[in-house]
């Protein structure tokens, strides 16, 4: 059975599957993990769906890397 991105529980270990969707469930998870400044943008969404194996933990880490303050 396919993962239901709308209602199945998400953890950092959840694999990003081919049927991945940017749902409210995913948005809640990302806000919990990344804080209130989290937002999706097109380049980030394209990275999530690029076909490379990744987990939701990888997605969180990549968003944090992209949004890290530059010195």
PDB file of N, CA and C in Angstrom:
ATOM      1  N   UNK A   1       0.846  -1.184   0.000  1.00  0.00           N
ATOM      2  CA  UNK A   1       0.000   0.000   0.000  1.00  0.00           C
ATOM      3  C   UNK A   1       0.893   1.250   0.000  1.00  0.00           C
ATOM      4  N   UNK A   2       0.488   2.255  -0.783  1.00  0.00           N
ATOM      5  CA  UNK A   2       1.237   3.504  -0.867  1.00  0.00           C
ATOM      6  C   UNK A   2       1.088   4.329   0.402  1.00  0.00           C
ATOM      7  N   UNK A   3       2.102   5.113   0.684  1.00  0.00           N
ATOM      8  CA  UNK A   3       2.078   6.028   1.816  1.00  0.00           C
ATOM      9  C   UNK A   3       1.050   7.120   1.542  1.00  0.00           C
ATOM     10  N   UNK A   4       0.229   7.456   2.539  1.00  0.00           N
ATOM     11  CA  UNK A   4      -0.768   8.526   2.391  1.00  0.00           C
ATOM     12  C   UNK A   4      -0.183   9.812   2.970  1.00  0.00           C
ATOM     13  N   UNK A   5       0.256  10.709   2.086  1.00  0.00           N
ATOM     14  CA  UNK A   5       0.887  11.953   2.503  1.00  0.00           C
ATOM     15  C   UNK A   5      -0.094  12.898   3.179  1.00  0.00           C
ATOM     16  N   UNK A   6      -1.390  12.627   3.041  1.00  0.00           N
ATOM     17  CA  UNK A   6      -2.402  13.472   3.685  1.00  0.00           C
ATOM     18  C   UNK A   6      -2.603  13.125   5.155  1.00  0.00           C
ATOM     19  N   UNK A   7      -2.411  11.844   5.513  1.00  0.00           N
ATOM     20  CA  UNK A   7      -2.793  11.470   6.878  1.00  0.00           C
ATOM     21  C   UNK A   7      -1.830  10.549   7.613  1.00  0.00           C
ATOM     22  N   UNK A   8      -0.938   9.859   6.916  1.00  0.00           N
ATOM     23  CA  UNK A   8      -0.025   8.966   7.624  1.00  0.00           C
ATOM     24  C   UNK A   8       0.963   9.779   8.463  1.00  0.00           C
ATOM     25  N   UNK A   9       1.364   9.245   9.626  1.00  0.00           N
ATOM     26  CA  UNK A   9       2.317   9.965  10.480  1.00  0.00           C
ATOM     27  C   UNK A   9       3.665  10.124   9.778  1.00  0.00           C
ATOM     28  N   UNK A  10       4.281  11.274   9.970  1.00  0.00           N
ATOM     29  CA  UNK A  10       5.585  11.578   9.386  1.00  0.00           C
ATOM     30  C   UNK A  10       6.642  11.617  10.471  1.00  0.00           C
ATOM     31  N   UNK A  11       7.808  11.069  10.151  1.00  0.00           N
ATOM     32  CA  UNK A  11       8.972  11.175  11.022  1.00  0.00           C
ATOM     33  C   UNK A  11      10.162  11.532  10.137  1.00  0.00           C
ATOM     34  N   UNK A  12      11.282  11.808  10.745  1.00  0.00           N
ATOM     35  CA  UNK A  12      12.487  12.087   9.968  1.00  0.00           C
ATOM     36  C   UNK A  12      12.903  10.865   9.148  1.00  0.00           C
ATOM     37  N   UNK A  13      12.499   9.670   9.560  1.00  0.00           N
ATOM     38  CA  UNK A  13      12.859   8.438   8.843  1.00  0.00           C
ATOM     39  C   UNK A  13      11.903   8.108   7.695  1.00  0.00           C
ATOM     40  N   UNK A  14      10.807   8.841   7.550  1.00  0.00           N
ATOM     41  CA  UNK A  14       9.838   8.562   6.486  1.00  0.00           C
ATOM     42  C   UNK A  14      10.497   8.761   5.124  1.00  0.00           C
ATOM     43  N   UNK A  15      10.502   7.716   4.273  1.00  0.00           N
ATOM     44  CA  UNK A  15      11.095   7.902   2.944  1.00  0.00           C
ATOM     45  C   UNK A  15      10.199   8.758   2.049  1.00  0.00           C
ATOM     46  N   UNK A  16      10.822   9.568   1.214  1.00  0.00           N
ATOM     47  CA  UNK A  16      10.085  10.330   0.205  1.00  0.00           C
ATOM     48  C   UNK A  16       9.808   9.356  -0.940  1.00  0.00           C
ATOM     49  N   UNK A  17       8.542   9.084  -1.164  1.00  0.00           N
ATOM     50  CA  UNK A  17       8.130   8.096  -2.159  1.00  0.00           C
ATOM     51  C   UNK A  17       7.795   8.772  -3.485  1.00  0.00           C
ATOM     52  N   UNK A  18       7.680   7.994  -4.551  1.00  0.00           N
ATOM     53  CA  UNK A  18       7.323   8.586  -5.847  1.00  0.00           C
ATOM     54  C   UNK A  18       5.977   9.312  -5.838  1.00  0.00           C
ATOM     55  N   UNK A  19       5.082   8.955  -4.897  1.00  0.00           N
ATOM     56  CA  UNK A  19       3.771   9.629  -4.841  1.00  0.00           C
ATOM     57  C   UNK A  19       3.763  10.795  -3.850  1.00  0.00           C
ATOM     58  N   UNK A  20       4.963  11.307  -3.495  1.00  0.00           N
ATOM     59  CA  UNK A  20       5.081  12.428  -2.556  1.00  0.00           C
ATOM     60  C   UNK A  20       4.202  13.598  -2.988  1.00  0.00           C
ATOM     61  N   UNK A  21       3.551  14.224  -1.998  1.00  0.00           N
ATOM     62  CA  UNK A  21       2.734  15.421  -2.229  1.00  0.00           C
ATOM     63  C   UNK A  21       3.036  16.442  -1.135  1.00  0.00           C
ATOM     64  N   UNK A  22       3.026  17.724  -1.492  1.00  0.00           N
ATOM     65  CA  UNK A  22       3.167  18.803  -0.510  1.00  0.00           C
ATOM     66  C   UNK A  22       1.792  19.041   0.129  1.00  0.00           C
ATOM     67  N   UNK A  23       1.462  18.237   1.107  1.00  0.00           N
ATOM     68  CA  UNK A  23       0.151  18.314   1.755  1.00  0.00           C
ATOM     69  C   UNK A  23       0.223  19.156   3.025  1.00  0.00           C
ATOM     70  N   UNK A  24      -0.928  19.416   3.613  1.00  0.00           N
ATOM     71  CA  UNK A  24      -0.965  20.104   4.904  1.00  0.00           C
ATOM     72  C   UNK A  24      -0.251  19.265   5.973  1.00  0.00           C
ATOM     73  N   UNK A  25      -0.340  17.954   5.873  1.00  0.00           N
ATOM     74  CA  UNK A  25       0.362  17.065   6.791  1.00  0.00           C
ATOM     75  C   UNK A  25       1.884  17.301   6.698  1.00  0.00           C
ATOM     76  N   UNK A  26       2.400  17.386   5.481  1.00  0.00           N
ATOM     77  CA  UNK A  26       3.828  17.648   5.280  1.00  0.00           C
ATOM     78  C   UNK A  26       4.174  19.045   5.792  1.00  0.00           C
ATOM     79  N   UNK A  27       3.345  20.024   5.472  1.00  0.00           N
ATOM     80  CA  UNK A  27       3.602  21.398   5.919  1.00  0.00           C
ATOM     81  C   UNK A  27       3.665  21.468   7.451  1.00  0.00           C
ATOM     82  N   UNK A  28       2.741  20.796   8.141  1.00  0.00           N
ATOM     83  CA  UNK A  28       2.768  20.772   9.621  1.00  0.00           C
ATOM     84  C   UNK A  28       4.071  20.157  10.126  1.00  0.00           C
ATOM     85  N   UNK A  29       4.465  19.034   9.540  1.00  0.00           N
ATOM     86  CA  UNK A  29       5.709  18.375   9.934  1.00  0.00           C
ATOM     87  C   UNK A  29       6.902  19.316   9.738  1.00  0.00           C
ATOM     88  N   UNK A  30       6.954  19.968   8.575  1.00  0.00           N
ATOM     89  CA  UNK A  30       8.078  20.859   8.286  1.00  0.00           C
ATOM     90  C   UNK A  30       8.096  22.056   9.232  1.00  0.00           C
ATOM     91  N   UNK A  31       6.941  22.602   9.542  1.00  0.00           N
ATOM     92  CA  UNK A  31       6.875  23.716  10.500  1.00  0.00           C
ATOM     93  C   UNK A  31       7.360  23.274  11.876  1.00  0.00           C
ATOM     94  N   UNK A  32       6.974  22.048  12.291  1.00  0.00           N
ATOM     95  CA  UNK A  32       7.430  21.529  13.588  1.00  0.00           C
ATOM     96  C   UNK A  32       8.950  21.364  13.599  1.00  0.00           C
ATOM     97  N   UNK A  33       9.514  20.890  12.498  1.00  0.00           N
ATOM     98  CA  UNK A  33      10.947  20.597  12.421  1.00  0.00           C
ATOM     99  C   UNK A  33      11.802  21.833  12.153  1.00  0.00           C
ATOM    100  N   UNK A  34      11.278  22.761  11.355  1.00  0.00           N
ATOM    101  CA  UNK A  34      12.080  23.888  10.874  1.00  0.00           C
ATOM    102  C   UNK A  34      11.713  25.217  11.518  1.00  0.00           C
ATOM    103  N   UNK A  35      10.558  25.289  12.148  1.00  0.00           N
ATOM    104  CA  UNK A  35      10.143  26.534  12.780  1.00  0.00           C
ATOM    105  C   UNK A  35       9.206  27.346  11.905  1.00  0.00           C
ATOM    106  N   UNK A  36       8.750  28.471  12.448  1.00  0.00           N
ATOM    107  CA  UNK A  36       7.692  29.255  11.804  1.00  0.00           C
ATOM    108  C   UNK A  36       8.113  29.958  10.513  1.00  0.00           C
ATOM    109  N   UNK A  37       9.403  29.997  10.206  1.00  0.00           N
ATOM    110  CA  UNK A  37       9.818  30.643   8.960  1.00  0.00           C
ATOM    111  C   UNK A  37       9.802  29.676   7.775  1.00  0.00           C
ATOM    112  N   UNK A  38       9.443  28.404   8.029  1.00  0.00           N
ATOM    113  CA  UNK A  38       9.421  27.432   6.925  1.00  0.00           C
ATOM    114  C   UNK A  38       8.417  27.848   5.865  1.00  0.00           C
ATOM    115  N   UNK A  39       8.837  27.677   4.599  1.00  0.00           N
ATOM    116  CA  UNK A  39       7.916  27.817   3.472  1.00  0.00           C
ATOM    117  C   UNK A  39       8.485  27.025   2.301  1.00  0.00           C
ATOM    118  N   UNK A  40       7.581  26.529   1.457  1.00  0.00           N
ATOM    119  CA  UNK A  40       7.986  25.857   0.231  1.00  0.00           C
ATOM    120  C   UNK A  40       8.290  26.904  -0.827  1.00  0.00           C
ATOM    121  N   UNK A  41       9.249  26.603  -1.698  1.00  0.00           N
ATOM    122  CA  UNK A  41       9.439  27.404  -2.908  1.00  0.00           C
ATOM    123  C   UNK A  41       9.710  26.421  -4.044  1.00  0.00           C
ATOM    124  N   UNK A  42       9.628  26.909  -5.254  1.00  0.00           N
ATOM    125  CA  UNK A  42       9.731  26.006  -6.408  1.00  0.00           C
ATOM    126  C   UNK A  42      11.050  25.244  -6.486  1.00  0.00           C
ATOM    127  N   UNK A  43      12.196  25.904  -6.301  1.00  0.00           N
ATOM    128  CA  UNK A  43      13.452  25.131  -6.367  1.00  0.00           C
ATOM    129  C   UNK A  43      13.520  24.033  -5.293  1.00  0.00           C
ATOM    130  N   UNK A  44      13.041  24.342  -4.097  1.00  0.00           N
ATOM    131  CA  UNK A  44      13.062  23.351  -3.016  1.00  0.00           C
ATOM    132  C   UNK A  44      12.111  22.204  -3.330  1.00  0.00           C
ATOM    133  N   UNK A  45      10.926  22.507  -3.830  1.00  0.00           N
ATOM    134  CA  UNK A  45       9.977  21.443  -4.180  1.00  0.00           C
ATOM    135  C   UNK A  45      10.548  20.571  -5.303  1.00  0.00           C
ATOM    136  N   UNK A  46      11.232  21.185  -6.267  1.00  0.00           N
ATOM    137  CA  UNK A  46      11.855  20.412  -7.346  1.00  0.00           C
ATOM    138  C   UNK A  46      12.937  19.491  -6.782  1.00  0.00           C
ATOM    139  N   UNK A  47      13.717  19.984  -5.811  1.00  0.00           N
ATOM    140  CA  UNK A  47      14.747  19.158  -5.181  1.00  0.00           C
ATOM    141  C   UNK A  47      14.107  17.956  -4.480  1.00  0.00           C
ATOM    142  N   UNK A  48      12.999  18.175  -3.768  1.00  0.00           N
ATOM    143  CA  UNK A  48      12.332  17.069  -3.065  1.00  0.00           C
ATOM    144  C   UNK A  48      11.934  15.984  -4.066  1.00  0.00           C
ATOM    145  N   UNK A  49      11.455  16.373  -5.223  1.00  0.00           N
ATOM    146  CA  UNK A  49      10.918  15.425  -6.210  1.00  0.00           C
ATOM    147  C   UNK A  49      11.930  15.014  -7.274  1.00  0.00           C
ATOM    148  N   UNK A  50      13.223  15.244  -7.070  1.00  0.00           N
ATOM    149  CA  UNK A  50      14.205  14.998  -8.127  1.00  0.00           C
ATOM    150  C   UNK A  50      14.509  13.523  -8.376  1.00  0.00           C
ATOM    151  N   UNK A  51      13.903  12.619  -7.615  1.00  0.00           N
ATOM    152  CA  UNK A  51      14.096  11.191  -7.836  1.00  0.00           C
ATOM    153  C   UNK A  51      15.223  10.574  -7.031  1.00  0.00           C
ATOM    154  N   UNK A  52      16.070  11.396  -6.413  1.00  0.00           N
ATOM    155  CA  UNK A  52      17.126  10.851  -5.561  1.00  0.00           C
ATOM    156  C   UNK A  52      16.509  10.314  -4.274  1.00  0.00           C
ATOM    157  N   UNK A  53      16.994   9.155  -3.784  1.00  0.00           N
ATOM    158  CA  UNK A  53      16.456   8.625  -2.524  1.00  0.00           C
ATOM    159  C   UNK A  53      16.715   9.600  -1.384  1.00  0.00           C
ATOM    160  N   UNK A  54      15.679   9.831  -0.582  1.00  0.00           N
ATOM    161  CA  UNK A  54      15.827  10.715   0.583  1.00  0.00           C
ATOM    162  C   UNK A  54      14.717  10.426   1.568  1.00  0.00           C
ATOM    163  N   UNK A  55      14.936  10.880   2.790  1.00  0.00           N
ATOM    164  CA  UNK A  55      13.927  10.782   3.842  1.00  0.00           C
ATOM    165  C   UNK A  55      13.429  12.181   4.168  1.00  0.00           C
ATOM    166  N   UNK A  56      12.390  12.244   4.973  1.00  0.00           N
ATOM    167  CA  UNK A  56      11.910  13.551   5.408  1.00  0.00           C
ATOM    168  C   UNK A  56      12.960  14.242   6.272  1.00  0.00           C
ATOM    169  N   UNK A  57      13.806  13.489   6.954  1.00  0.00           N
ATOM    170  CA  UNK A  57      14.928  14.089   7.682  1.00  0.00           C
ATOM    171  C   UNK A  57      15.892  14.790   6.737  1.00  0.00           C
ATOM    172  N   UNK A  58      16.148  14.169   5.582  1.00  0.00           N
ATOM    173  CA  UNK A  58      16.992  14.811   4.572  1.00  0.00           C
ATOM    174  C   UNK A  58      16.345  16.094   4.068  1.00  0.00           C
ATOM    175  N   UNK A  59      15.026  16.069   3.902  1.00  0.00           N
ATOM    176  CA  UNK A  59      14.291  17.254   3.433  1.00  0.00           C
ATOM    177  C   UNK A  59      14.426  18.384   4.451  1.00  0.00           C
ATOM    178  N   UNK A  60      14.245  18.064   5.728  1.00  0.00           N
ATOM    179  CA  UNK A  60      14.401  19.065   6.789  1.00  0.00           C
ATOM    180  C   UNK A  60      15.820  19.626   6.773  1.00  0.00           C
ATOM    181  N   UNK A  61      16.805  18.746   6.713  1.00  0.00           N
ATOM    182  CA  UNK A  61      18.207  19.185   6.740  1.00  0.00           C
ATOM    183  C   UNK A  61      18.537  20.065   5.540  1.00  0.00           C
ATOM    184  N   UNK A  62      18.008  19.712   4.366  1.00  0.00           N
ATOM    185  CA  UNK A  62      18.278  20.518   3.169  1.00  0.00           C
ATOM    186  C   UNK A  62      17.633  21.884   3.286  1.00  0.00           C
ATOM    187  N   UNK A  63      16.414  21.955   3.804  1.00  0.00           N
ATOM    188  CA  UNK A  63      15.775  23.268   3.970  1.00  0.00           C
ATOM    189  C   UNK A  63      16.591  24.127   4.941  1.00  0.00           C
ATOM    190  N   UNK A  64      17.025  23.523   6.033  1.00  0.00           N
ATOM    191  CA  UNK A  64      17.847  24.268   7.004  1.00  0.00           C
ATOM    192  C   UNK A  64      19.151  24.733   6.368  1.00  0.00           C
ATOM    193  N   UNK A  65      19.771  23.876   5.545  1.00  0.00           N
ATOM    194  CA  UNK A  65      21.020  24.254   4.870  1.00  0.00           C
ATOM    195  C   UNK A  65      20.782  25.447   3.950  1.00  0.00           C
ATOM    196  N   UNK A  66      19.703  25.395   3.180  1.00  0.00           N
ATOM    197  CA  UNK A  66      19.403  26.475   2.238  1.00  0.00           C
ATOM    198  C   UNK A  66      19.051  27.777   2.945  1.00  0.00           C
ATOM    199  N   UNK A  67      18.460  27.668   4.122  1.00  0.00           N
ATOM    200  CA  UNK A  67      17.982  28.862   4.836  1.00  0.00           C
ATOM    201  C   UNK A  67      18.949  29.348   5.910  1.00  0.00           C
ATOM    202  N   UNK A  68      20.093  28.669   6.054  1.00  0.00           N
ATOM    203  CA  UNK A  68      21.064  29.067   7.079  1.00  0.00           C
ATOM    204  C   UNK A  68      21.548  30.478   6.816  1.00  0.00           C
ATOM    205  N   UNK A  69      21.703  31.267   7.865  1.00  0.00           N
ATOM    206  CA  UNK A  69      22.233  32.619   7.693  1.00  0.00           C
ATOM    207  C   UNK A  69      23.624  32.564   7.057  1.00  0.00           C
ATOM    208  N   UNK A  70      23.858  33.440   6.128  1.00  0.00           N
ATOM    209  CA  UNK A  70      25.156  33.528   5.455  1.00  0.00           C
ATOM    210  C   UNK A  70      26.028  34.540   6.222  1.00  0.00           C
ATOM    211  N   UNK A  71      27.285  34.184   6.438  1.00  0.00           N
ATOM    212  CA  UNK A  71      28.176  35.121   7.122  1.00  0.00           C
ATOM    213  C   UNK A  71      28.933  35.965   6.133  1.00  0.00           C
TER     214      UNK A  71
END
